[in-house]
PDB file of all heavy atoms in Angstrom:
ATOM      1  N   ILE A   1     -27.862  39.037  31.771  1.00  0.00           N
ATOM      2  CA  ILE A   1     -28.477  38.350  30.642  1.00  0.00           C
ATOM      3  C   ILE A   1     -28.487  36.860  30.940  1.00  0.00           C
ATOM      4  O   ILE A   1     -27.843  36.401  31.885  1.00  0.00           O
ATOM      5  CB  ILE A   1     -27.729  38.637  29.317  1.00  0.00           C
ATOM      6  CG1 ILE A   1     -26.247  38.295  29.423  1.00  0.00           C
ATOM      7  CG2 ILE A   1     -27.916  40.079  28.897  1.00  0.00           C
ATOM      8  CD1 ILE A   1     -25.445  38.486  28.142  1.00  0.00           C
ATOM      9  N   SER A   2     -29.224  36.100  30.131  1.00  0.00           N
ATOM     10  CA  SER A   2     -29.332  34.664  30.377  1.00  0.00           C
ATOM     11  C   SER A   2     -27.997  33.972  30.102  1.00  0.00           C
ATOM     12  O   SER A   2     -27.122  34.508  29.429  1.00  0.00           O
ATOM     13  CB  SER A   2     -30.422  34.068  29.500  1.00  0.00           C
ATOM     14  OG  SER A   2     -30.011  34.077  28.141  1.00  0.00           O
ATOM     15  N   ALA A   3     -27.883  32.744  30.599  1.00  0.00           N
ATOM     16  CA  ALA A   3     -26.651  31.975  30.415  1.00  0.00           C
ATOM     17  C   ALA A   3     -26.402  31.680  28.935  1.00  0.00           C
ATOM     18  O   ALA A   3     -25.261  31.702  28.477  1.00  0.00           O
ATOM     19  CB  ALA A   3     -26.731  30.676  31.211  1.00  0.00           C
ATOM     20  N   ALA A   4     -27.471  31.430  28.188  1.00  0.00           N
ATOM     21  CA  ALA A   4     -27.320  31.162  26.750  1.00  0.00           C
ATOM     22  C   ALA A   4     -26.799  32.393  26.019  1.00  0.00           C
ATOM     23  O   ALA A   4     -25.937  32.285  25.136  1.00  0.00           O
ATOM     24  CB  ALA A   4     -28.652  30.718  26.156  1.00  0.00           C
ATOM     25  N   GLU A   5     -27.304  33.574  26.391  1.00  0.00           N
ATOM     26  CA  GLU A   5     -26.824  34.812  25.775  1.00  0.00           C
ATOM     27  C   GLU A   5     -25.364  35.078  26.140  1.00  0.00           C
ATOM     28  O   GLU A   5     -24.581  35.515  25.301  1.00  0.00           O
ATOM     29  CB  GLU A   5     -27.688  35.999  26.201  1.00  0.00           C
ATOM     30  CG  GLU A   5     -29.069  36.003  25.575  1.00  0.00           C
ATOM     31  CD  GLU A   5     -29.918  37.139  26.114  1.00  0.00           C
ATOM     32  OE1 GLU A   5     -30.033  37.246  27.354  1.00  0.00           O
ATOM     33  OE2 GLU A   5     -30.445  37.914  25.294  1.00  0.00           O
ATOM     34  N   LYS A   6     -25.010  34.801  27.381  1.00  0.00           N
ATOM     35  CA  LYS A   6     -23.615  34.972  27.797  1.00  0.00           C
ATOM     36  C   LYS A   6     -22.697  34.065  26.988  1.00  0.00           C
ATOM     37  O   LYS A   6     -21.657  34.511  26.500  1.00  0.00           O
ATOM     38  CB  LYS A   6     -23.457  34.677  29.291  1.00  0.00           C
ATOM     39  CG  LYS A   6     -24.020  35.742  30.194  1.00  0.00           C
ATOM     40  CD  LYS A   6     -23.815  35.400  31.645  1.00  0.00           C
ATOM     41  CE  LYS A   6     -24.484  36.459  32.518  1.00  0.00           C
ATOM     42  NZ  LYS A   6     -24.263  36.254  33.939  1.00  0.00           N
ATOM     43  N   LEU A   7     -23.095  32.803  26.840  1.00  0.00           N
ATOM     44  CA  LEU A   7     -22.289  31.870  26.073  1.00  0.00           C
ATOM     45  C   LEU A   7     -22.166  32.316  24.623  1.00  0.00           C
ATOM     46  O   LEU A   7     -21.076  32.280  24.042  1.00  0.00           O
ATOM     47  CB  LEU A   7     -22.885  30.462  26.157  1.00  0.00           C
ATOM     48  CG  LEU A   7     -22.122  29.370  25.428  1.00  0.00           C
ATOM     49  CD1 LEU A   7     -20.730  29.211  26.026  1.00  0.00           C
ATOM     50  CD2 LEU A   7     -22.882  28.067  25.499  1.00  0.00           C
ATOM     51  N   LEU A   8     -23.263  32.762  24.042  1.00  0.00           N
ATOM     52  CA  LEU A   8     -23.234  33.237  22.660  1.00  0.00           C
ATOM     53  C   LEU A   8     -22.297  34.432  22.508  1.00  0.00           C
ATOM     54  O   LEU A   8     -21.476  34.473  21.584  1.00  0.00           O
ATOM     55  CB  LEU A   8     -24.641  33.613  22.199  1.00  0.00           C
ATOM     56  CG  LEU A   8     -24.745  34.182  20.794  1.00  0.00           C
ATOM     57  CD1 LEU A   8     -24.394  33.116  19.774  1.00  0.00           C
ATOM     58  CD2 LEU A   8     -26.132  34.716  20.542  1.00  0.00           C
ATOM     59  N   TRP A   9     -22.383  35.402  23.415  1.00  0.00           N
ATOM     60  CA  TRP A   9     -21.517  36.570  23.327  1.00  0.00           C
ATOM     61  C   TRP A   9     -20.048  36.203  23.561  1.00  0.00           C
ATOM     62  O   TRP A   9     -19.158  36.770  22.934  1.00  0.00           O
ATOM     63  CB  TRP A   9     -21.954  37.663  24.291  1.00  0.00           C
ATOM     64  CG  TRP A   9     -23.052  38.504  23.724  1.00  0.00           C
ATOM     65  CD1 TRP A   9     -24.318  38.620  24.192  1.00  0.00           C
ATOM     66  CD2 TRP A   9     -22.974  39.324  22.559  1.00  0.00           C
ATOM     67  NE1 TRP A   9     -25.032  39.466  23.383  1.00  0.00           N
ATOM     68  CE2 TRP A   9     -24.239  39.923  22.377  1.00  0.00           C
ATOM     69  CE3 TRP A   9     -21.968  39.629  21.647  1.00  0.00           C
ATOM     70  CZ2 TRP A   9     -24.507  40.800  21.336  1.00  0.00           C
ATOM     71  CZ3 TRP A   9     -22.245  40.508  20.602  1.00  0.00           C
ATOM     72  CH2 TRP A   9     -23.503  41.071  20.463  1.00  0.00           C
ATOM     73  N   LEU A  10     -19.792  35.243  24.458  1.00  0.00           N
ATOM     74  CA  LEU A  10     -18.411  34.807  24.669  1.00  0.00           C
ATOM     75  C   LEU A  10     -17.842  34.159  23.409  1.00  0.00           C
ATOM     76  O   LEU A  10     -16.699  34.416  23.035  1.00  0.00           O
ATOM     77  CB  LEU A  10     -18.333  33.838  25.851  1.00  0.00           C
ATOM     78  CG  LEU A  10     -18.507  34.465  27.231  1.00  0.00           C
ATOM     79  CD1 LEU A  10     -18.607  33.381  28.298  1.00  0.00           C
ATOM     80  CD2 LEU A  10     -17.374  35.419  27.542  1.00  0.00           C
ATOM     81  N   VAL A  11     -18.658  33.340  22.743  1.00  0.00           N
ATOM     82  CA  VAL A  11     -18.208  32.711  21.505  1.00  0.00           C
ATOM     83  C   VAL A  11     -17.956  33.767  20.437  1.00  0.00           C
ATOM     84  O   VAL A  11     -16.918  33.758  19.761  1.00  0.00           O
ATOM     85  CB  VAL A  11     -19.235  31.663  21.021  1.00  0.00           C
ATOM     86  CG1 VAL A  11     -18.931  31.200  19.606  1.00  0.00           C
ATOM     87  CG2 VAL A  11     -19.262  30.486  21.975  1.00  0.00           C
ATOM     88  N   VAL A  12     -18.880  34.707  20.285  1.00  0.00           N
ATOM     89  CA  VAL A  12     -18.715  35.768  19.286  1.00  0.00           C
ATOM     90  C   VAL A  12     -17.469  36.590  19.589  1.00  0.00           C
ATOM     91  O   VAL A  12     -16.680  36.907  18.692  1.00  0.00           O
ATOM     92  CB  VAL A  12     -19.970  36.678  19.237  1.00  0.00           C
ATOM     93  CG1 VAL A  12     -19.709  37.945  18.447  1.00  0.00           C
ATOM     94  CG2 VAL A  12     -21.146  35.922  18.650  1.00  0.00           C
ATOM     95  N   THR A  13     -17.275  36.923  20.843  1.00  0.00           N
ATOM     96  CA  THR A  13     -16.135  37.757  21.235  1.00  0.00           C
ATOM     97  C   THR A  13     -14.811  37.073  20.960  1.00  0.00           C
ATOM     98  O   THR A  13     -13.876  37.694  20.456  1.00  0.00           O
ATOM     99  CB  THR A  13     -16.235  38.108  22.730  1.00  0.00           C
ATOM    100  OG1 THR A  13     -17.443  38.817  22.956  1.00  0.00           O
ATOM    101  CG2 THR A  13     -15.074  38.969  23.164  1.00  0.00           C
ATOM    102  N   TRP A  14     -14.688  35.791  21.276  1.00  0.00           N
ATOM    103  CA  TRP A  14     -13.409  35.108  21.146  1.00  0.00           C
ATOM    104  C   TRP A  14     -13.169  34.510  19.770  1.00  0.00           C
ATOM    105  O   TRP A  14     -12.025  34.428  19.325  1.00  0.00           O
ATOM    106  CB  TRP A  14     -13.252  34.052  22.231  1.00  0.00           C
ATOM    107  CG  TRP A  14     -12.965  34.699  23.550  1.00  0.00           C
ATOM    108  CD1 TRP A  14     -13.860  35.035  24.506  1.00  0.00           C
ATOM    109  CD2 TRP A  14     -11.692  35.147  24.029  1.00  0.00           C
ATOM    110  NE1 TRP A  14     -13.221  35.647  25.574  1.00  0.00           N
ATOM    111  CE2 TRP A  14     -11.900  35.734  25.301  1.00  0.00           C
ATOM    112  CE3 TRP A  14     -10.397  35.109  23.519  1.00  0.00           C
ATOM    113  CZ2 TRP A  14     -10.868  36.265  26.066  1.00  0.00           C
ATOM    114  CZ3 TRP A  14      -9.371  35.643  24.281  1.00  0.00           C
ATOM    115  CH2 TRP A  14      -9.608  36.208  25.538  1.00  0.00           C
ATOM    116  N   VAL A  15     -14.237  34.102  19.056  1.00  0.00           N
ATOM    117  CA  VAL A  15     -14.042  33.525  17.727  1.00  0.00           C
ATOM    118  C   VAL A  15     -13.804  34.619  16.685  1.00  0.00           C
ATOM    119  O   VAL A  15     -12.916  34.519  15.841  1.00  0.00           O
ATOM    120  CB  VAL A  15     -15.241  32.636  17.326  1.00  0.00           C
ATOM    121  CG1 VAL A  15     -15.165  32.223  15.868  1.00  0.00           C
ATOM    122  CG2 VAL A  15     -15.298  31.408  18.219  1.00  0.00           C
ATOM    123  N   PHE A  16     -14.588  35.661  16.758  1.00  0.00           N
ATOM    124  CA  PHE A  16     -14.432  36.782  15.831  1.00  0.00           C
ATOM    125  C   PHE A  16     -13.610  37.867  16.528  1.00  0.00           C
ATOM    126  O   PHE A  16     -14.086  38.971  16.784  1.00  0.00           O
ATOM    127  CB  PHE A  16     -15.800  37.319  15.399  1.00  0.00           C
ATOM    128  CG  PHE A  16     -16.644  36.285  14.733  1.00  0.00           C
ATOM    129  CD1 PHE A  16     -17.739  35.739  15.387  1.00  0.00           C
ATOM    130  CD2 PHE A  16     -16.338  35.828  13.473  1.00  0.00           C
ATOM    131  CE1 PHE A  16     -18.510  34.772  14.777  1.00  0.00           C
ATOM    132  CE2 PHE A  16     -17.109  34.863  12.850  1.00  0.00           C
ATOM    133  CZ  PHE A  16     -18.199  34.326  13.512  1.00  0.00           C
ATOM    134  N   TRP A  17     -12.353  37.535  16.834  1.00  0.00           N
ATOM    135  CA  TRP A  17     -11.522  38.368  17.691  1.00  0.00           C
ATOM    136  C   TRP A  17     -11.308  39.795  17.211  1.00  0.00           C
ATOM    137  O   TRP A  17     -11.197  40.689  18.037  1.00  0.00           O
ATOM    138  CB  TRP A  17     -10.186  37.688  17.972  1.00  0.00           C
ATOM    139  CG  TRP A  17      -9.354  37.426  16.761  1.00  0.00           C
ATOM    140  CD1 TRP A  17      -9.365  36.321  15.986  1.00  0.00           C
ATOM    141  CD2 TRP A  17      -8.408  38.311  16.174  1.00  0.00           C
ATOM    142  NE1 TRP A  17      -8.488  36.449  14.958  1.00  0.00           N
ATOM    143  CE2 TRP A  17      -7.877  37.667  15.036  1.00  0.00           C
ATOM    144  CE3 TRP A  17      -7.947  39.589  16.485  1.00  0.00           C
ATOM    145  CZ2 TRP A  17      -6.918  38.249  14.224  1.00  0.00           C
ATOM    146  CZ3 TRP A  17      -6.993  40.162  15.679  1.00  0.00           C
ATOM    147  CH2 TRP A  17      -6.489  39.495  14.567  1.00  0.00           C
ATOM    148  N   PRO A  18     -11.255  40.093  15.900  1.00  0.00           N
ATOM    149  CA  PRO A  18     -11.028  41.498  15.549  1.00  0.00           C
ATOM    150  C   PRO A  18     -12.229  42.401  15.837  1.00  0.00           C
ATOM    151  O   PRO A  18     -12.063  43.560  16.184  1.00  0.00           O
ATOM    152  CB  PRO A  18     -10.747  41.477  14.049  1.00  0.00           C
ATOM    153  CG  PRO A  18     -10.488  40.061  13.693  1.00  0.00           C
ATOM    154  CD  PRO A  18     -11.186  39.229  14.710  1.00  0.00           C
ATOM    155  N   ILE A  19     -13.442  41.861  15.714  1.00  0.00           N
ATOM    156  CA  ILE A  19     -14.625  42.718  15.868  1.00  0.00           C
ATOM    157  C   ILE A  19     -15.566  42.272  16.978  1.00  0.00           C
ATOM    158  O   ILE A  19     -16.497  42.987  17.312  1.00  0.00           O
ATOM    159  CB  ILE A  19     -15.413  42.811  14.547  1.00  0.00           C
ATOM    160  CG1 ILE A  19     -15.895  41.428  14.100  1.00  0.00           C
ATOM    161  CG2 ILE A  19     -14.599  43.477  13.462  1.00  0.00           C
ATOM    162  CD1 ILE A  19     -16.870  41.464  12.957  1.00  0.00           C
ATOM    163  N   GLY A  20     -15.336  41.108  17.575  1.00  0.00           N
ATOM    164  CA  GLY A  20     -16.229  40.581  18.598  1.00  0.00           C
ATOM    165  C   GLY A  20     -16.459  41.510  19.776  1.00  0.00           C
ATOM    166  O   GLY A  20     -17.607  41.791  20.131  1.00  0.00           O
ATOM    167  N   PRO A  21     -15.404  42.019  20.416  1.00  0.00           N
ATOM    168  CA  PRO A  21     -15.629  42.927  21.544  1.00  0.00           C
ATOM    169  C   PRO A  21     -16.371  44.206  21.146  1.00  0.00           C
ATOM    170  O   PRO A  21     -17.218  44.697  21.889  1.00  0.00           O
ATOM    171  CB  PRO A  21     -14.215  43.256  22.028  1.00  0.00           C
ATOM    172  CG  PRO A  21     -13.396  42.102  21.598  1.00  0.00           C
ATOM    173  CD  PRO A  21     -13.987  41.655  20.297  1.00  0.00           C
ATOM    174  N   PHE A  22     -16.083  44.714  19.960  1.00  0.00           N
ATOM    175  CA  PHE A  22     -16.781  45.916  19.502  1.00  0.00           C
ATOM    176  C   PHE A  22     -18.257  45.637  19.266  1.00  0.00           C
ATOM    177  O   PHE A  22     -19.112  46.455  19.592  1.00  0.00           O
ATOM    178  CB  PHE A  22     -16.138  46.470  18.228  1.00  0.00           C
ATOM    179  CG  PHE A  22     -14.716  46.916  18.440  1.00  0.00           C
ATOM    180  CD1 PHE A  22     -13.685  46.276  17.803  1.00  0.00           C
ATOM    181  CD2 PHE A  22     -14.418  47.966  19.287  1.00  0.00           C
ATOM    182  CE1 PHE A  22     -12.367  46.670  17.992  1.00  0.00           C
ATOM    183  CE2 PHE A  22     -13.119  48.375  19.489  1.00  0.00           C
ATOM    184  CZ  PHE A  22     -12.086  47.721  18.840  1.00  0.00           C
ATOM    185  N   LEU A  23     -18.561  44.467  18.706  1.00  0.00           N
ATOM    186  CA  LEU A  23     -19.961  44.097  18.501  1.00  0.00           C
ATOM    187  C   LEU A  23     -20.696  44.001  19.828  1.00  0.00           C
ATOM    188  O   LEU A  23     -21.825  44.472  19.955  1.00  0.00           O
ATOM    189  CB  LEU A  23     -20.060  42.764  17.750  1.00  0.00           C
ATOM    190  CG  LEU A  23     -19.711  42.788  16.276  1.00  0.00           C
ATOM    191  CD1 LEU A  23     -19.748  41.377  15.707  1.00  0.00           C
ATOM    192  CD2 LEU A  23     -20.666  43.687  15.516  1.00  0.00           C
ATOM    193  N   TYR A  24     -20.054  43.399  20.814  1.00  0.00           N
ATOM    194  CA  TYR A  24     -20.697  43.300  22.126  1.00  0.00           C
ATOM    195  C   TYR A  24     -20.931  44.679  22.735  1.00  0.00           C
ATOM    196  O   TYR A  24     -22.001  44.958  23.262  1.00  0.00           O
ATOM    197  CB  TYR A  24     -19.871  42.443  23.084  1.00  0.00           C
ATOM    198  CG  TYR A  24     -20.452  42.444  24.471  1.00  0.00           C
ATOM    199  CD1 TYR A  24     -21.630  41.770  24.745  1.00  0.00           C
ATOM    200  CD2 TYR A  24     -19.856  43.159  25.504  1.00  0.00           C
ATOM    201  CE1 TYR A  24     -22.197  41.789  26.006  1.00  0.00           C
ATOM    202  CE2 TYR A  24     -20.402  43.183  26.766  1.00  0.00           C
ATOM    203  CZ  TYR A  24     -21.578  42.494  27.009  1.00  0.00           C
ATOM    204  OH  TYR A  24     -22.140  42.534  28.253  1.00  0.00           O
TER     205      TYR A  24
END
């Protein structure tokens, strides 16, 4: 995926820690 999408998913994963990995 693009670098912007990677950054967005990394932020979602680490900021919303209880559900971020599941969302990804």
